[in-house]
PDB file of N, CA and C in Angstrom:
ATOM      1  N   UNK A   1     105.518  90.061  92.340  1.00  0.00           N
ATOM      2  CA  UNK A   1     105.387  91.056  91.309  1.00  0.00           C
ATOM      3  C   UNK A   1     104.336  92.068  91.762  1.00  0.00           C
ATOM      4  N   UNK A   2     104.622  93.322  91.568  1.00  0.00           N
ATOM      5  CA  UNK A   2     103.672  94.386  91.871  1.00  0.00           C
ATOM      6  C   UNK A   2     103.234  95.009  90.555  1.00  0.00           C
ATOM      7  N   UNK A   3     101.936  95.077  90.359  1.00  0.00           N
ATOM      8  CA  UNK A   3     101.369  95.710  89.171  1.00  0.00           C
ATOM      9  C   UNK A   3     100.508  96.868  89.645  1.00  0.00           C
ATOM     10  N   UNK A   4     100.791  98.052  89.154  1.00  0.00           N
ATOM     11  CA  UNK A   4      99.981  99.222  89.497  1.00  0.00           C
ATOM     12  C   UNK A   4      98.834  99.327  88.508  1.00  0.00           C
ATOM     13  N   UNK A   5      97.630  99.459  89.026  1.00  0.00           N
ATOM     14  CA  UNK A   5      96.431  99.512  88.197  1.00  0.00           C
ATOM     15  C   UNK A   5      95.810 100.893  88.337  1.00  0.00           C
ATOM     16  N   UNK A   6      95.737 101.615  87.236  1.00  0.00           N
ATOM     17  CA  UNK A   6      95.184 102.972  87.243  1.00  0.00           C
ATOM     18  C   UNK A   6      93.668 102.944  87.075  1.00  0.00           C
ATOM     19  N   UNK A   7      93.036 103.972  87.574  1.00  0.00           N
ATOM     20  CA  UNK A   7      91.608 104.224  87.331  1.00  0.00           C
ATOM     21  C   UNK A   7      90.699 103.066  87.731  1.00  0.00           C
ATOM     22  N   UNK A   8      90.949 102.499  88.880  1.00  0.00           N
ATOM     23  CA  UNK A   8      90.063 101.457  89.402  1.00  0.00           C
ATOM     24  C   UNK A   8      88.692 102.063  89.691  1.00  0.00           C
ATOM     25  N   UNK A   9      88.694 103.295  90.213  1.00  0.00           N
ATOM     26  CA  UNK A   9      87.455 104.026  90.487  1.00  0.00           C
ATOM     27  C   UNK A   9      87.445 105.301  89.663  1.00  0.00           C
ATOM     28  N   UNK A  10      86.265 105.687  89.176  1.00  0.00           N
ATOM     29  CA  UNK A  10      86.189 106.969  88.478  1.00  0.00           C
ATOM     30  C   UNK A  10      86.254 108.099  89.520  1.00  0.00           C
ATOM     31  N   UNK A  11      86.475 109.313  89.062  1.00  0.00           N
ATOM     32  CA  UNK A  11      86.709 110.463  89.950  1.00  0.00           C
ATOM     33  C   UNK A  11      85.539 110.708  90.899  1.00  0.00           C
ATOM     34  N   UNK A  12      84.310 110.604  90.417  1.00  0.00           N
ATOM     35  CA  UNK A  12      83.145 110.849  91.270  1.00  0.00           C
ATOM     36  C   UNK A  12      83.021 109.799  92.373  1.00  0.00           C
ATOM     37  N   UNK A  13      83.252 108.554  92.010  1.00  0.00           N
ATOM     38  CA  UNK A  13      83.174 107.475  93.001  1.00  0.00           C
ATOM     39  C   UNK A  13      84.278 107.633  94.035  1.00  0.00           C
ATOM     40  N   UNK A  14      85.469 107.973  93.584  1.00  0.00           N
ATOM     41  CA  UNK A  14      86.580 108.172  94.501  1.00  0.00           C
ATOM     42  C   UNK A  14      86.302 109.318  95.465  1.00  0.00           C
ATOM     43  N   UNK A  15      85.735 110.419  94.959  1.00  0.00           N
ATOM     44  CA  UNK A  15      85.381 111.556  95.819  1.00  0.00           C
ATOM     45  C   UNK A  15      84.342 111.154  96.856  1.00  0.00           C
ATOM     46  N   UNK A  16      83.344 110.394  96.445  1.00  0.00           N
ATOM     47  CA  UNK A  16      82.314 109.935  97.384  1.00  0.00           C
ATOM     48  C   UNK A  16      82.910 109.028  98.457  1.00  0.00           C
ATOM     49  N   UNK A  17      83.814 108.161  98.067  1.00  0.00           N
ATOM     50  CA  UNK A  17      84.479 107.277  99.021  1.00  0.00           C
ATOM     51  C   UNK A  17      85.312 108.082 100.012  1.00  0.00           C
ATOM     52  N   UNK A  18      86.082 109.026  99.512  1.00  0.00           N
ATOM     53  CA  UNK A  18      86.901 109.871 100.389  1.00  0.00           C
ATOM     54  C   UNK A  18      86.029 110.609 101.390  1.00  0.00           C
ATOM     55  N   UNK A  19      84.899 111.126 100.932  1.00  0.00           N
ATOM     56  CA  UNK A  19      83.986 111.843 101.828  1.00  0.00           C
ATOM     57  C   UNK A  19      83.448 110.915 102.910  1.00  0.00           C
ATOM     58  N   UNK A  20      83.008 109.740 102.513  1.00  0.00           N
ATOM     59  CA  UNK A  20      82.473 108.763 103.467  1.00  0.00           C
ATOM     60  C   UNK A  20      83.507 108.400 104.519  1.00  0.00           C
ATOM     61  N   UNK A  21      84.719 108.114 104.071  1.00  0.00           N
ATOM     62  CA  UNK A  21      85.760 107.707 105.020  1.00  0.00           C
ATOM     63  C   UNK A  21      86.161 108.843 105.944  1.00  0.00           C
ATOM     64  N   UNK A  22      86.233 110.053 105.419  1.00  0.00           N
ATOM     65  CA  UNK A  22      86.698 111.166 106.252  1.00  0.00           C
ATOM     66  C   UNK A  22      85.612 111.693 107.182  1.00  0.00           C
ATOM     67  N   UNK A  23      84.342 111.461 106.862  1.00  0.00           N
ATOM     68  CA  UNK A  23      83.287 112.030 107.695  1.00  0.00           C
ATOM     69  C   UNK A  23      82.579 111.008 108.575  1.00  0.00           C
ATOM     70  N   UNK A  24      82.396 109.779 108.114  1.00  0.00           N
ATOM     71  CA  UNK A  24      81.567 108.832 108.843  1.00  0.00           C
ATOM     72  C   UNK A  24      82.288 107.599 109.381  1.00  0.00           C
ATOM     73  N   UNK A  25      83.417 107.258 108.832  1.00  0.00           N
ATOM     74  CA  UNK A  25      84.068 106.005 109.206  1.00  0.00           C
ATOM     75  C   UNK A  25      84.814 106.124 110.535  1.00  0.00           C
ATOM     76  N   UNK A  26      84.697 105.076 111.337  1.00  0.00           N
ATOM     77  CA  UNK A  26      85.470 104.955 112.570  1.00  0.00           C
ATOM     78  C   UNK A  26      86.764 104.232 112.220  1.00  0.00           C
ATOM     79  N   UNK A  27      87.892 104.825 112.575  1.00  0.00           N
ATOM     80  CA  UNK A  27      89.182 104.195 112.319  1.00  0.00           C
ATOM     81  C   UNK A  27      89.739 103.647 113.630  1.00  0.00           C
ATOM     82  N   UNK A  28      90.323 102.454 113.551  1.00  0.00           N
ATOM     83  CA  UNK A  28      90.872 101.768 114.722  1.00  0.00           C
ATOM     84  C   UNK A  28      92.341 101.432 114.471  1.00  0.00           C
ATOM     85  N   UNK A  29      93.025 101.023 115.506  1.00  0.00           N
ATOM     86  CA  UNK A  29      94.435 100.668 115.428  1.00  0.00           C
ATOM     87  C   UNK A  29      94.640  99.563 114.391  1.00  0.00           C
ATOM     88  N   UNK A  30      95.466  99.828 113.397  1.00  0.00           N
ATOM     89  CA  UNK A  30      95.708  98.882 112.319  1.00  0.00           C
ATOM     90  C   UNK A  30      96.391  97.606 112.758  1.00  0.00           C
ATOM     91  N   UNK A  31      97.011  97.610 113.921  1.00  0.00           N
ATOM     92  CA  UNK A  31      97.686  96.393 114.389  1.00  0.00           C
ATOM     93  C   UNK A  31      96.706  95.254 114.653  1.00  0.00           C
ATOM     94  N   UNK A  32      95.417  95.583 114.777  1.00  0.00           N
ATOM     95  CA  UNK A  32      94.417  94.536 115.010  1.00  0.00           C
ATOM     96  C   UNK A  32      94.355  93.539 113.865  1.00  0.00           C
ATOM     97  N   UNK A  33      94.716  93.952 112.671  1.00  0.00           N
ATOM     98  CA  UNK A  33      94.637  93.058 111.512  1.00  0.00           C
ATOM     99  C   UNK A  33      96.012  92.567 111.063  1.00  0.00           C
ATOM    100  N   UNK A  34      97.042  92.886 111.813  1.00  0.00           N
ATOM    101  CA  UNK A  34      98.400  92.514 111.421  1.00  0.00           C
ATOM    102  C   UNK A  34      98.777  91.143 111.975  1.00  0.00           C
ATOM    103  N   UNK A  35      99.621  90.455 111.242  1.00  0.00           N
ATOM    104  CA  UNK A  35     100.181  89.196 111.712  1.00  0.00           C
ATOM    105  C   UNK A  35     101.213  89.449 112.800  1.00  0.00           C
ATOM    106  N   UNK A  36     101.780  88.396 113.315  1.00  0.00           N
ATOM    107  CA  UNK A  36     102.668  88.522 114.480  1.00  0.00           C
ATOM    108  C   UNK A  36     103.859  89.426 114.219  1.00  0.00           C
ATOM    109  N   UNK A  37     104.477  89.339 113.047  1.00  0.00           N
ATOM    110  CA  UNK A  37     105.664  90.152 112.770  1.00  0.00           C
ATOM    111  C   UNK A  37     105.278  91.587 112.400  1.00  0.00           C
ATOM    112  N   UNK A  38     104.284  91.711 111.540  1.00  0.00           N
ATOM    113  CA  UNK A  38     103.868  93.039 111.086  1.00  0.00           C
ATOM    114  C   UNK A  38     103.347  93.882 112.245  1.00  0.00           C
ATOM    115  N   UNK A  39     102.749  93.237 113.237  1.00  0.00           N
ATOM    116  CA  UNK A  39     102.209  93.962 114.392  1.00  0.00           C
ATOM    117  C   UNK A  39     103.286  94.799 115.083  1.00  0.00           C
ATOM    118  N   UNK A  40     104.527  94.339 114.996  1.00  0.00           N
ATOM    119  CA  UNK A  40     105.637  95.054 115.636  1.00  0.00           C
ATOM    120  C   UNK A  40     106.000  96.349 114.916  1.00  0.00           C
ATOM    121  N   UNK A  41     105.671  96.463 113.630  1.00  0.00           N
ATOM    122  CA  UNK A  41     106.093  97.631 112.846  1.00  0.00           C
ATOM    123  C   UNK A  41     104.942  98.412 112.239  1.00  0.00           C
ATOM    124  N   UNK A  42     103.729  97.951 112.438  1.00  0.00           N
ATOM    125  CA  UNK A  42     102.559  98.591 111.821  1.00  0.00           C
ATOM    126  C   UNK A  42     102.044  99.698 112.729  1.00  0.00           C
ATOM    127  N   UNK A  43     102.061 100.912 112.213  1.00  0.00           N
ATOM    128  CA  UNK A  43     101.552 102.075 112.941  1.00  0.00           C
ATOM    129  C   UNK A  43     100.650 102.856 112.001  1.00  0.00           C
ATOM    130  N   UNK A  44      99.414 102.403 111.868  1.00  0.00           N
ATOM    131  CA  UNK A  44      98.432 103.107 111.048  1.00  0.00           C
ATOM    132  C   UNK A  44      97.050 102.858 111.637  1.00  0.00           C
ATOM    133  N   UNK A  45      96.049 103.361 110.975  1.00  0.00           N
ATOM    134  CA  UNK A  45      94.676 103.141 111.390  1.00  0.00           C
ATOM    135  C   UNK A  45      93.915 102.555 110.208  1.00  0.00           C
ATOM    136  N   UNK A  46      92.913 101.737 110.509  1.00  0.00           N
ATOM    137  CA  UNK A  46      92.097 101.145 109.460  1.00  0.00           C
ATOM    138  C   UNK A  46      90.629 101.377 109.781  1.00  0.00           C
ATOM    139  N   UNK A  47      89.851 101.609 108.720  1.00  0.00           N
ATOM    140  CA  UNK A  47      88.414 101.792 108.898  1.00  0.00           C
ATOM    141  C   UNK A  47      87.822 100.509 109.471  1.00  0.00           C
ATOM    142  N   UNK A  48      86.963 100.666 110.452  1.00  0.00           N
ATOM    143  CA  UNK A  48      86.330  99.538 111.125  1.00  0.00           C
ATOM    144  C   UNK A  48      85.374  98.833 110.161  1.00  0.00           C
ATOM    145  N   UNK A  49      85.726  97.619 109.765  1.00  0.00           N
ATOM    146  CA  UNK A  49      84.948  96.868 108.790  1.00  0.00           C
ATOM    147  C   UNK A  49      83.595  96.401 109.281  1.00  0.00           C
ATOM    148  N   UNK A  50      83.289  96.609 110.568  1.00  0.00           N
ATOM    149  CA  UNK A  50      81.970  96.211 111.059  1.00  0.00           C
ATOM    150  C   UNK A  50      80.913  97.279 110.789  1.00  0.00           C
ATOM    151  N   UNK A  51      81.331  98.459 110.368  1.00  0.00           N
ATOM    152  CA  UNK A  51      80.381  99.528 110.050  1.00  0.00           C
ATOM    153  C   UNK A  51      79.761  99.273 108.675  1.00  0.00           C
ATOM    154  N   UNK A  52      78.444  99.489 108.563  1.00  0.00           N
ATOM    155  CA  UNK A  52      77.759  99.173 107.306  1.00  0.00           C
ATOM    156  C   UNK A  52      78.287 100.008 106.138  1.00  0.00           C
ATOM    157  N   UNK A  53      78.577 101.291 106.354  1.00  0.00           N
ATOM    158  CA  UNK A  53      79.094 102.133 105.274  1.00  0.00           C
ATOM    159  C   UNK A  53      80.442 101.646 104.779  1.00  0.00           C
ATOM    160  N   UNK A  54      81.299 101.240 105.702  1.00  0.00           N
ATOM    161  CA  UNK A  54      82.619 100.716 105.324  1.00  0.00           C
ATOM    162  C   UNK A  54      82.452  99.401 104.570  1.00  0.00           C
ATOM    163  N   UNK A  55      81.562  98.528 105.050  1.00  0.00           N
ATOM    164  CA  UNK A  55      81.319  97.253 104.351  1.00  0.00           C
ATOM    165  C   UNK A  55      80.814  97.495 102.932  1.00  0.00           C
ATOM    166  N   UNK A  56      79.891  98.457 102.772  1.00  0.00           N
ATOM    167  CA  UNK A  56      79.368  98.755 101.434  1.00  0.00           C
ATOM    168  C   UNK A  56      80.480  99.211 100.500  1.00  0.00           C
ATOM    169  N   UNK A  57      81.320 100.128 100.971  1.00  0.00           N
ATOM    170  CA  UNK A  57      82.419 100.617 100.139  1.00  0.00           C
ATOM    171  C   UNK A  57      83.455  99.529  99.880  1.00  0.00           C
ATOM    172  N   UNK A  58      83.707  98.713 100.877  1.00  0.00           N
ATOM    173  CA  UNK A  58      84.649  97.601 100.708  1.00  0.00           C
ATOM    174  C   UNK A  58      84.171  96.702  99.571  1.00  0.00           C
ATOM    175  N   UNK A  59      82.865  96.419  99.535  1.00  0.00           N
ATOM    176  CA  UNK A  59      82.303  95.581  98.469  1.00  0.00           C
ATOM    177  C   UNK A  59      82.377  96.273  97.112  1.00  0.00           C
ATOM    178  N   UNK A  60      82.055  97.572  97.069  1.00  0.00           N
ATOM    179  CA  UNK A  60      82.099  98.317  95.801  1.00  0.00           C
ATOM    180  C   UNK A  60      83.507  98.372  95.232  1.00  0.00           C
ATOM    181  N   UNK A  61      84.473  98.658  96.081  1.00  0.00           N
ATOM    182  CA  UNK A  61      85.862  98.747  95.605  1.00  0.00           C
ATOM    183  C   UNK A  61      86.373  97.366  95.211  1.00  0.00           C
ATOM    184  N   UNK A  62      86.057  96.353  96.002  1.00  0.00           N
ATOM    185  CA  UNK A  62      86.465  94.992  95.655  1.00  0.00           C
ATOM    186  C   UNK A  62      85.916  94.565  94.303  1.00  0.00           C
ATOM    187  N   UNK A  63      84.665  94.897  94.056  1.00  0.00           N
ATOM    188  CA  UNK A  63      84.056  94.555  92.765  1.00  0.00           C
ATOM    189  C   UNK A  63      84.717  95.335  91.627  1.00  0.00           C
ATOM    190  N   UNK A  64      85.028  96.603  91.856  1.00  0.00           N
ATOM    191  CA  UNK A  64      85.705  97.404  90.827  1.00  0.00           C
ATOM    192  C   UNK A  64      87.080  96.822  90.510  1.00  0.00           C
ATOM    193  N   UNK A  65      87.764  96.341  91.520  1.00  0.00           N
ATOM    194  CA  UNK A  65      89.072  95.700  91.303  1.00  0.00           C
ATOM    195  C   UNK A  65      88.888  94.430  90.466  1.00  0.00           C
ATOM    196  N   UNK A  66      87.946  93.594  90.868  1.00  0.00           N
ATOM    197  CA  UNK A  66      87.723  92.332  90.137  1.00  0.00           C
ATOM    198  C   UNK A  66      87.304  92.566  88.689  1.00  0.00           C
ATOM    199  N   UNK A  67      86.577  93.650  88.407  1.00  0.00           N
ATOM    200  CA  UNK A  67      86.124  93.948  87.045  1.00  0.00           C
ATOM    201  C   UNK A  67      87.212  94.544  86.173  1.00  0.00           C
ATOM    202  N   UNK A  68      88.249  95.108  86.771  1.00  0.00           N
ATOM    203  CA  UNK A  68      89.272  95.813  85.992  1.00  0.00           C
ATOM    204  C   UNK A  68      89.998  94.832  85.065  1.00  0.00           C
ATOM    205  N   UNK A  69      90.090  95.157  83.770  1.00  0.00           N
ATOM    206  CA  UNK A  69      90.710  94.235  82.805  1.00  0.00           C
ATOM    207  C   UNK A  69      92.153  93.859  83.149  1.00  0.00           C
ATOM    208  N   UNK A  70      92.942  94.806  83.629  1.00  0.00           N
ATOM    209  CA  UNK A  70      94.330  94.488  83.956  1.00  0.00           C
ATOM    210  C   UNK A  70      94.401  93.515  85.125  1.00  0.00           C
ATOM    211  N   UNK A  71      93.567  93.698  86.113  1.00  0.00           N
ATOM    212  CA  UNK A  71      93.532  92.762  87.241  1.00  0.00           C
ATOM    213  C   UNK A  71      93.123  91.379  86.748  1.00  0.00           C
ATOM    214  N   UNK A  72      92.135  91.326  85.871  1.00  0.00           N
ATOM    215  CA  UNK A  72      91.677  90.044  85.344  1.00  0.00           C
ATOM    216  C   UNK A  72      92.775  89.322  84.573  1.00  0.00           C
ATOM    217  N   UNK A  73      93.632  90.080  83.890  1.00  0.00           N
ATOM    218  CA  UNK A  73      94.735  89.460  83.144  1.00  0.00           C
ATOM    219  C   UNK A  73      95.872  89.027  84.074  1.00  0.00           C
ATOM    220  N   UNK A  74      96.134  89.810  85.112  1.00  0.00           N
ATOM    221  CA  UNK A  74      97.318  89.590  85.943  1.00  0.00           C
ATOM    222  C   UNK A  74      97.091  88.618  87.096  1.00  0.00           C
ATOM    223  N   UNK A  75      95.877  88.552  87.601  1.00  0.00           N
ATOM    224  CA  UNK A  75      95.609  87.724  88.776  1.00  0.00           C
ATOM    225  C   UNK A  75      94.275  87.014  88.596  1.00  0.00           C
ATOM    226  N   UNK A  76      94.252  85.790  88.947  1.00  0.00           N
ATOM    227  CA  UNK A  76      93.010  85.029  88.868  1.00  0.00           C
ATOM    228  C   UNK A  76      92.771  84.342  90.211  1.00  0.00           C
ATOM    229  N   UNK A  77      92.515  85.145  91.241  1.00  0.00           N
ATOM    230  CA  UNK A  77      92.350  84.544  92.569  1.00  0.00           C
ATOM    231  C   UNK A  77      91.027  83.788  92.690  1.00  0.00           C
ATOM    232  N   UNK A  78      91.065  82.665  93.372  1.00  0.00           N
ATOM    233  CA  UNK A  78      89.830  81.932  93.652  1.00  0.00           C
ATOM    234  C   UNK A  78      88.996  82.722  94.660  1.00  0.00           C
ATOM    235  N   UNK A  79      89.671  83.383  95.601  1.00  0.00           N
ATOM    236  CA  UNK A  79      89.018  84.226  96.602  1.00  0.00           C
ATOM    237  C   UNK A  79      89.920  85.415  96.872  1.00  0.00           C
ATOM    238  N   UNK A  80      89.326  86.465  97.405  1.00  0.00           N
ATOM    239  CA  UNK A  80      90.103  87.650  97.795  1.00  0.00           C
ATOM    240  C   UNK A  80      89.733  88.031  99.218  1.00  0.00           C
ATOM    241  N   UNK A  81      90.715  88.558  99.939  1.00  0.00           N
ATOM    242  CA  UNK A  81      90.396  89.118 101.246  1.00  0.00           C
ATOM    243  C   UNK A  81      89.653  90.429 101.017  1.00  0.00           C
ATOM    244  N   UNK A  82      88.826  90.843 101.964  1.00  0.00           N
ATOM    245  CA  UNK A  82      88.125  92.114 101.797  1.00  0.00           C
ATOM    246  C   UNK A  82      89.105  93.290 101.717  1.00  0.00           C
ATOM    247  N   UNK A  83      88.711  94.309 100.983  1.00  0.00           N
ATOM    248  CA  UNK A  83      89.498  95.535 100.884  1.00  0.00           C
ATOM    249  C   UNK A  83      89.551  96.180 102.263  1.00  0.00           C
ATOM    250  N   UNK A  84      90.690  96.737 102.599  1.00  0.00           N
ATOM    251  CA  UNK A  84      90.838  97.486 103.852  1.00  0.00           C
ATOM    252  C   UNK A  84      91.220  98.909 103.516  1.00  0.00           C
ATOM    253  N   UNK A  85      90.663  99.845 104.260  1.00  0.00           N
ATOM    254  CA  UNK A  85      90.971 101.258 104.068  1.00  0.00           C
ATOM    255  C   UNK A  85      91.843 101.707 105.234  1.00  0.00           C
ATOM    256  N   UNK A  86      93.066 102.079 104.920  1.00  0.00           N
ATOM    257  CA  UNK A  86      94.023 102.503 105.943  1.00  0.00           C
ATOM    258  C   UNK A  86      94.288 103.989 105.837  1.00  0.00           C
ATOM    259  N   UNK A  87      94.663 104.579 106.951  1.00  0.00           N
ATOM    260  CA  UNK A  87      95.105 105.977 106.923  1.00  0.00           C
ATOM    261  C   UNK A  87      96.301 106.127 107.849  1.00  0.00           C
ATOM    262  N   UNK A  88      97.062 107.162 107.543  1.00  0.00           N
ATOM    263  CA  UNK A  88      98.283 107.450 108.277  1.00  0.00           C
ATOM    264  C   UNK A  88      98.219 108.892 108.758  1.00  0.00           C
ATOM    265  N   UNK A  89      98.174 109.063 110.055  1.00  0.00           N
ATOM    266  CA  UNK A  89      98.241 110.395 110.645  1.00  0.00           C
ATOM    267  C   UNK A  89      99.721 110.782 110.750  1.00  0.00           C
ATOM    268  N   UNK A  90      99.976 112.016 111.125  1.00  0.00           N
ATOM    269  CA  UNK A  90     101.357 112.495 111.290  1.00  0.00           C
ATOM    270  C   UNK A  90     102.164 111.517 112.145  1.00  0.00           C
ATOM    271  N   UNK A  91     103.322 111.112 111.645  1.00  0.00           N
ATOM    272  CA  UNK A  91     104.223 110.238 112.381  1.00  0.00           C
ATOM    273  C   UNK A  91     103.924 108.753 112.253  1.00  0.00           C
ATOM    274  N   UNK A  92     102.840 108.386 111.610  1.00  0.00           N
ATOM    275  CA  UNK A  92     102.514 106.967 111.430  1.00  0.00           C
ATOM    276  C   UNK A  92     103.252 106.412 110.219  1.00  0.00           C
ATOM    277  N   UNK A  93     103.462 105.109 110.231  1.00  0.00           N
ATOM    278  CA  UNK A  93     104.144 104.433 109.132  1.00  0.00           C
ATOM    279  C   UNK A  93     103.861 102.939 109.225  1.00  0.00           C
ATOM    280  N   UNK A  94     104.226 102.223 108.191  1.00  0.00           N
ATOM    281  CA  UNK A  94     104.146 100.768 108.197  1.00  0.00           C
ATOM    282  C   UNK A  94     105.545 100.291 107.872  1.00  0.00           C
ATOM    283  N   UNK A  95     106.269  99.881 108.884  1.00  0.00           N
ATOM    284  CA  UNK A  95     107.672  99.516 108.724  1.00  0.00           C
ATOM    285  C   UNK A  95     107.874  98.277 107.866  1.00  0.00           C
ATOM    286  N   UNK A  96     109.131  97.902 107.700  1.00  0.00           N
ATOM    287  CA  UNK A  96     109.476  96.733 106.896  1.00  0.00           C
ATOM    288  C   UNK A  96     108.869  95.482 107.509  1.00  0.00           C
ATOM    289  N   UNK A  97     108.275  94.663 106.661  1.00  0.00           N
ATOM    290  CA  UNK A  97     107.664  93.423 107.111  1.00  0.00           C
ATOM    291  C   UNK A  97     107.419  92.521 105.908  1.00  0.00           C
ATOM    292  N   UNK A  98     107.171  91.276 106.181  1.00  0.00           N
ATOM    293  CA  UNK A  98     106.762  90.323 105.157  1.00  0.00           C
ATOM    294  C   UNK A  98     105.298  90.019 105.428  1.00  0.00           C
ATOM    295  N   UNK A  99     104.457  90.120 104.386  1.00  0.00           N
ATOM    296  CA  UNK A  99     103.042  89.813 104.567  1.00  0.00           C
ATOM    297  C   UNK A  99     102.880  88.366 105.011  1.00  0.00           C
ATOM    298  N   UNK A 100     101.890  88.136 105.865  1.00  0.00           N
ATOM    299  CA  UNK A 100     101.579  86.766 106.248  1.00  0.00           C
ATOM    300  C   UNK A 100     101.139  86.005 105.006  1.00  0.00           C
ATOM    301  N   UNK A 101     101.574  84.762 104.843  1.00  0.00           N
ATOM    302  CA  UNK A 101     101.237  84.025 103.624  1.00  0.00           C
ATOM    303  C   UNK A 101      99.772  83.609 103.555  1.00  0.00           C
ATOM    304  N   UNK A 102      99.082  83.556 104.689  1.00  0.00           N
ATOM    305  CA  UNK A 102      97.694  83.150 104.725  1.00  0.00           C
ATOM    306  C   UNK A 102      96.950  84.076 105.674  1.00  0.00           C
ATOM    307  N   UNK A 103      95.746  84.495 105.263  1.00  0.00           N
ATOM    308  CA  UNK A 103      94.926  85.344 106.122  1.00  0.00           C
ATOM    309  C   UNK A 103      93.576  84.686 106.315  1.00  0.00           C
ATOM    310  N   UNK A 104      93.025  84.816 107.505  1.00  0.00           N
ATOM    311  CA  UNK A 104      91.686  84.324 107.784  1.00  0.00           C
ATOM    312  C   UNK A 104      91.697  83.027 108.556  1.00  0.00           C
ATOM    313  N   UNK A 105      90.494  82.600 108.944  1.00  0.00           N
ATOM    314  CA  UNK A 105      90.343  81.339 109.658  1.00  0.00           C
ATOM    315  C   UNK A 105      90.754  80.187 108.741  1.00  0.00           C
ATOM    316  N   UNK A 106      91.156  79.080 109.325  1.00  0.00           N
ATOM    317  CA  UNK A 106      91.656  77.945 108.553  1.00  0.00           C
ATOM    318  C   UNK A 106      90.668  77.514 107.472  1.00  0.00           C
ATOM    319  N   UNK A 107      89.387  77.461 107.779  1.00  0.00           N
ATOM    320  CA  UNK A 107      88.388  77.006 106.802  1.00  0.00           C
ATOM    321  C   UNK A 107      88.250  78.001 105.652  1.00  0.00           C
ATOM    322  N   UNK A 108      88.360  79.291 105.942  1.00  0.00           N
ATOM    323  CA  UNK A 108      88.146  80.321 104.927  1.00  0.00           C
ATOM    324  C   UNK A 108      89.428  81.083 104.592  1.00  0.00           C
ATOM    325  N   UNK A 109      90.569  80.480 104.844  1.00  0.00           N
ATOM    326  CA  UNK A 109      91.819  81.209 104.656  1.00  0.00           C
ATOM    327  C   UNK A 109      92.064  81.513 103.182  1.00  0.00           C
ATOM    328  N   UNK A 110      92.818  82.584 102.945  1.00  0.00           N
ATOM    329  CA  UNK A 110      93.145  83.028 101.599  1.00  0.00           C
ATOM    330  C   UNK A 110      94.641  83.280 101.543  1.00  0.00           C
ATOM    331  N   UNK A 111      95.300  82.686 100.548  1.00  0.00           N
ATOM    332  CA  UNK A 111      96.723  82.976 100.363  1.00  0.00           C
ATOM    333  C   UNK A 111      96.866  84.425  99.937  1.00  0.00           C
ATOM    334  N   UNK A 112      97.883  85.090 100.414  1.00  0.00           N
ATOM    335  CA  UNK A 112      98.066  86.512 100.105  1.00  0.00           C
ATOM    336  C   UNK A 112      99.322  86.722  99.274  1.00  0.00           C
ATOM    337  N   UNK A 113      99.438  85.969  98.193  1.00  0.00           N
ATOM    338  CA  UNK A 113     100.627  86.044  97.343  1.00  0.00           C
ATOM    339  C   UNK A 113     100.620  87.236  96.406  1.00  0.00           C
ATOM    340  N   UNK A 114      99.472  87.800  96.130  1.00  0.00           N
ATOM    341  CA  UNK A 114      99.393  88.909  95.189  1.00  0.00           C
ATOM    342  C   UNK A 114      99.564  90.224  95.921  1.00  0.00           C
ATOM    343  N   UNK A 115     100.475  91.044  95.458  1.00  0.00           N
ATOM    344  CA  UNK A 115     100.590  92.409  95.952  1.00  0.00           C
ATOM    345  C   UNK A 115      99.867  93.301  94.962  1.00  0.00           C
ATOM    346  N   UNK A 116      99.231  94.346  95.460  1.00  0.00           N
ATOM    347  CA  UNK A 116      98.471  95.221  94.574  1.00  0.00           C
ATOM    348  C   UNK A 116      98.845  96.671  94.846  1.00  0.00           C
ATOM    349  N   UNK A 117      98.854  97.463  93.798  1.00  0.00           N
ATOM    350  CA  UNK A 117      99.084  98.900  93.911  1.00  0.00           C
ATOM    351  C   UNK A 117      98.081  99.573  92.995  1.00  0.00           C
ATOM    352  N   UNK A 118      97.281 100.457  93.518  1.00  0.00           N
ATOM    353  CA  UNK A 118      96.274 101.125  92.715  1.00  0.00           C
ATOM    354  C   UNK A 118      96.586 102.607  92.680  1.00  0.00           C
ATOM    355  N   UNK A 119      96.729 103.167  91.471  1.00  0.00           N
ATOM    356  CA  UNK A 119      97.127 104.561  91.371  1.00  0.00           C
ATOM    357  C   UNK A 119      95.981 105.523  91.647  1.00  0.00           C
ATOM    358  N   UNK A 120      94.726 105.048  91.640  1.00  0.00           N
ATOM    359  CA  UNK A 120      93.628 105.887  92.095  1.00  0.00           C
ATOM    360  C   UNK A 120      93.606 105.762  93.607  1.00  0.00           C
ATOM    361  N   UNK A 121      94.525 106.443  94.256  1.00  0.00           N
ATOM    362  CA  UNK A 121      94.740 106.261  95.688  1.00  0.00           C
ATOM    363  C   UNK A 121      93.527 106.710  96.475  1.00  0.00           C
ATOM    364  N   UNK A 122      93.215 105.982  97.509  1.00  0.00           N
ATOM    365  CA  UNK A 122      92.054 106.243  98.336  1.00  0.00           C
ATOM    366  C   UNK A 122      92.477 107.154  99.483  1.00  0.00           C
ATOM    367  N   UNK A 123      92.768 108.396  99.162  1.00  0.00           N
ATOM    368  CA  UNK A 123      93.313 109.312 100.148  1.00  0.00           C
ATOM    369  C   UNK A 123      92.209 110.167 100.758  1.00  0.00           C
ATOM    370  N   UNK A 124      92.268 110.268 102.073  1.00  0.00           N
ATOM    371  CA  UNK A 124      91.343 111.167 102.764  1.00  0.00           C
ATOM    372  C   UNK A 124      92.059 112.489 103.010  1.00  0.00           C
ATOM    373  N   UNK A 125      91.362 113.436 103.549  1.00  0.00           N
ATOM    374  CA  UNK A 125      91.959 114.742 103.796  1.00  0.00           C
ATOM    375  C   UNK A 125      93.078 114.673 104.823  1.00  0.00           C
ATOM    376  N   UNK A 126      93.166 113.571 105.580  1.00  0.00           N
ATOM    377  CA  UNK A 126      94.242 113.430 106.562  1.00  0.00           C
ATOM    378  C   UNK A 126      95.487 112.816 105.941  1.00  0.00           C
ATOM    379  N   UNK A 127      95.428 112.524 104.648  1.00  0.00           N
ATOM    380  CA  UNK A 127      96.590 111.953 103.979  1.00  0.00           C
ATOM    381  C   UNK A 127      96.630 110.456 104.025  1.00  0.00           C
ATOM    382  N   UNK A 128      95.489 109.812 104.217  1.00  0.00           N
ATOM    383  CA  UNK A 128      95.469 108.360 104.299  1.00  0.00           C
ATOM    384  C   UNK A 128      95.683 107.742 102.938  1.00  0.00           C
ATOM    385  N   UNK A 129      96.216 106.536 102.943  1.00  0.00           N
ATOM    386  CA  UNK A 129      96.330 105.757 101.711  1.00  0.00           C
ATOM    387  C   UNK A 129      96.113 104.304 102.004  1.00  0.00           C
TER     388      UNK A 129
END
């Protein structure tokens, strides 16, 4: 089931995030985080999660998602994978694939059964989402 959640971030926070991602974030090949099948069809870039600014925003957005009343009603995850910020340059796409059912190391793995769609899209000036 896909549930679209509106207004996860207010306009000012979203603008600040877009600015941070478009000006300071290093983006790397998105296939680095893809499972074996998705790696074959994934053509995008993702903000490097090792950067402190990206980690800070990842935590802020993750917390905003967890606080949202609709998310709280629809999903009650014991754990969540960190938020990832992806962008798509001209000609990039994410082809058909099935998400890997488990992400992370065996000890800290998280089932990825929940699909999420947020209408406060995290778009940069390059058209990322």
